């Protein structure tokens, strides 16, 4: 049985999983990601890493996550999110692994430990690579543009927008 979680600060995200045998934690992962990830992405990264590890066991395994949005996304056969599609593919290849939802902060030891590990992962974790979803990249570019550029004029239509910038972007 695995427990997973994700966490985010202003600048970074972390993900984790842990597993217990006979009440003793026997395995854990603390992973951190690049700064441009949302907590949803961190939750998914923790889930993916747990599935990868559980697939090495070749036994029936339940993976518990407190991220209902992650569970719902994994159930969506038409998701545009690449990380979700990666998880779906792993689950298709490993039918002995089941993803389940667990209520957050309800006193479940494994879930609380995964939560603690995800928070620690932000500063102590190993880097876990994941591509940014397109919507996050668009948001980051917009924020960068607005920080670097003083807008002096905007004109356009609904499908084309021209923005005049008072200084060159660097």
Protein backbone atom coordinates (compact mmCIF):
# COMPACT_ATOMS: atom_id res chain seq x y z
CA UNK A 1 0.00 0.00 0.00
CA UNK A 2 1.41 3.37 -1.10
CA UNK A 3 0.43 6.89 -0.07
CA UNK A 4 1.22 9.88 -2.29
CA UNK A 5 1.04 13.65 -2.02
CA UNK A 6 2.13 16.92 -3.59
CA UNK A 7 2.94 20.30 -2.08
CA UNK A 8 3.69 23.82 -3.35
CA UNK A 9 5.28 26.99 -2.06
CA UNK A 10 5.48 30.28 -3.95
CA UNK A 11 8.56 29.12 -5.82
CA UNK A 12 8.72 25.32 -5.92
CA UNK A 13 6.76 22.10 -5.74
CA UNK A 14 7.43 18.75 -4.14
CA UNK A 15 5.94 15.30 -4.42
CA UNK A 16 6.21 12.15 -2.37
CA UNK A 17 5.20 8.60 -1.80
CA UNK A 18 5.71 6.23 1.08
CA UNK A 19 4.78 2.67 1.91
CA UNK A 20 4.46 0.76 5.16
CA UNK A 21 4.79 -2.90 6.12
CA UNK A 22 3.56 -4.05 9.51
CA UNK A 23 3.20 -0.42 10.57
CA UNK A 24 6.81 0.47 9.71
CA UNK A 25 7.71 2.83 6.87
CA UNK A 26 9.88 0.81 4.52
CA UNK A 27 10.08 3.05 1.47
CA UNK A 28 9.80 6.72 0.63
CA UNK A 29 10.48 9.17 -2.16
CA UNK A 30 10.83 12.92 -1.85
CA UNK A 31 10.89 14.54 -5.27
CA UNK A 32 11.08 18.19 -6.19
CA UNK A 33 10.29 19.79 -9.50
CA UNK A 34 11.08 22.90 -11.42
CA UNK A 35 9.50 26.14 -10.23
CA UNK A 36 6.79 26.40 -12.87
CA UNK A 37 4.59 23.52 -11.68
CA UNK A 38 1.20 23.74 -10.01
CA UNK A 39 0.27 21.62 -6.99
CA UNK A 40 -1.90 19.48 -9.31
CA UNK A 41 1.23 18.64 -11.30
CA UNK A 42 3.08 17.77 -8.08
CA UNK A 43 0.24 15.47 -6.99
CA UNK A 44 0.38 13.72 -10.36
CA UNK A 45 4.17 13.39 -10.23
CA UNK A 46 3.97 11.69 -6.82
CA UNK A 47 1.30 9.35 -8.14
CA UNK A 48 3.33 8.50 -11.26
CA UNK A 49 6.48 7.78 -9.26
CA UNK A 50 4.52 5.52 -6.89
CA UNK A 51 3.05 3.60 -9.83
CA UNK A 52 6.51 3.13 -11.35
CA UNK A 53 7.84 1.79 -8.04
CA UNK A 54 4.79 -0.40 -7.38
CA UNK A 55 5.05 -1.91 -10.87
CA UNK A 56 8.42 -3.41 -9.87
CA UNK A 57 6.72 -5.47 -7.13
CA UNK A 58 4.50 -7.51 -9.44
CA UNK A 59 1.76 -7.83 -6.80
CA UNK A 60 -1.64 -6.28 -6.22
CA UNK A 61 -1.07 -2.78 -4.83
CA UNK A 62 -3.33 0.06 -3.77
CA UNK A 63 -2.03 3.60 -4.12
CA UNK A 64 -3.83 6.17 -1.99
CA UNK A 65 -3.89 9.86 -2.88
CA UNK A 66 -5.76 12.73 -1.25
CA UNK A 67 -5.94 14.51 -4.62
CA UNK A 68 -9.46 13.91 -5.88
CA UNK A 69 -8.68 16.02 -8.96
CA UNK A 70 -5.85 13.62 -9.83
CA UNK A 71 -8.11 10.58 -9.51
CA UNK A 72 -10.78 12.23 -11.67
CA UNK A 73 -8.17 13.25 -14.27
CA UNK A 74 -6.81 9.70 -14.47
CA UNK A 75 -10.35 8.43 -15.12
CA UNK A 76 -10.81 10.86 -18.06
CA UNK A 77 -10.07 9.01 -21.32
CA UNK A 78 -9.91 12.29 -23.27
CA UNK A 79 -7.48 14.23 -21.08
CA UNK A 80 -5.11 16.60 -22.89
CA UNK A 81 -2.65 16.46 -19.96
CA UNK A 82 0.48 14.47 -20.91
CA UNK A 83 1.36 13.49 -17.34
CA UNK A 84 -2.14 12.09 -16.84
CA UNK A 85 -1.82 10.12 -20.09
CA UNK A 86 1.51 8.74 -18.85
CA UNK A 87 -0.19 7.58 -15.64
CA UNK A 88 -3.06 6.04 -17.61
CA UNK A 89 -0.57 4.14 -19.74
CA UNK A 90 1.28 2.83 -16.68
CA UNK A 91 -1.99 1.69 -15.10
CA UNK A 92 -3.02 -0.05 -18.33
CA UNK A 93 0.28 -1.93 -18.34
CA UNK A 94 -0.02 -2.78 -14.63
CA UNK A 95 -3.59 -3.86 -14.00
CA UNK A 96 -2.62 -5.07 -10.52
CA UNK A 97 -2.19 -1.44 -9.37
CA UNK A 98 -5.27 0.45 -8.18
CA UNK A 99 -5.44 4.17 -7.44
CA UNK A 100 -7.77 5.16 -4.62
CA UNK A 101 -8.80 8.46 -3.02
CA UNK A 102 -8.32 9.11 0.71
CA UNK A 103 -9.54 12.10 2.68
CA UNK A 104 -6.75 14.58 3.48
CA UNK A 105 -5.86 15.54 7.05
CA UNK A 106 -8.18 12.94 8.54
CA UNK A 107 -5.54 11.23 10.67
CA UNK A 108 -4.55 8.44 8.29
CA UNK A 109 -0.91 7.77 9.17
CA UNK A 110 0.28 6.99 5.65
CA UNK A 111 -1.43 10.03 4.19
CA UNK A 112 -0.06 12.31 6.91
CA UNK A 113 3.45 10.95 6.32
CA UNK A 114 3.16 11.50 2.56
CA UNK A 115 2.01 15.07 3.27
CA UNK A 116 5.04 15.71 5.50
CA UNK A 117 7.40 14.18 2.94
CA UNK A 118 5.96 16.29 0.10
CA UNK A 119 6.57 19.47 2.10
CA UNK A 120 10.14 18.36 2.92
CA UNK A 121 10.70 17.41 -0.72
CA UNK A 122 10.59 21.06 -1.75
CA UNK A 123 13.93 21.65 -0.02
CA UNK A 124 15.35 18.14 0.41
CA UNK A 125 14.03 16.18 -2.57
CA UNK A 126 15.71 14.76 -5.63
CA UNK A 127 14.72 16.44 -8.89
CA UNK A 128 11.86 14.69 -10.67
CA UNK A 129 11.43 15.77 -14.28
CA UNK A 130 8.04 16.49 -15.80
CA UNK A 131 6.96 18.61 -18.72
CA UNK A 132 4.86 21.65 -17.98
CA UNK A 133 1.31 21.57 -19.30
CA UNK A 134 0.71 24.09 -22.09
CA UNK A 135 -1.71 26.13 -19.95
CA UNK A 136 1.00 26.60 -17.28
CA UNK A 137 3.55 27.65 -19.90
CA UNK A 138 1.12 30.22 -21.29
CA UNK A 139 0.51 31.61 -17.81
CA UNK A 140 4.25 31.80 -17.06
CA UNK A 141 4.95 33.58 -20.36
CA UNK A 142 2.18 36.06 -19.65
CA UNK A 143 3.53 36.76 -16.15
CA UNK A 144 7.08 37.12 -17.48
CA UNK A 145 5.89 39.47 -20.22
CA UNK A 146 3.98 41.67 -17.78
CA UNK A 147 6.99 41.82 -15.41
CA UNK A 148 9.51 42.68 -18.10
CA UNK A 149 7.45 45.01 -20.21
CA UNK A 150 5.67 48.26 -19.58
CA UNK A 151 2.66 48.12 -21.86
CA UNK A 152 2.15 51.42 -23.67
CA UNK A 153 -0.63 50.36 -25.99
CA UNK A 154 -2.98 47.51 -26.76
CA UNK A 155 -5.14 47.16 -29.84
CA UNK A 156 -6.68 44.31 -31.73
CA UNK A 157 -9.63 42.03 -32.24
CA UNK A 158 -10.76 38.95 -30.39
CA UNK A 159 -8.44 36.68 -32.36
CA UNK A 160 -5.44 38.98 -32.85
CA UNK A 161 -3.92 41.17 -30.17
CA UNK A 162 -1.13 43.67 -30.72
CA UNK A 163 0.76 44.89 -27.69
CA UNK A 164 3.32 47.66 -27.95
CA UNK A 165 6.08 47.35 -25.41
CA UNK A 166 8.13 50.29 -24.16
CA UNK A 167 11.33 48.26 -23.75
CA UNK A 168 12.89 45.23 -25.35
CA UNK A 169 12.40 41.90 -23.58
CA UNK A 170 15.60 40.28 -22.38
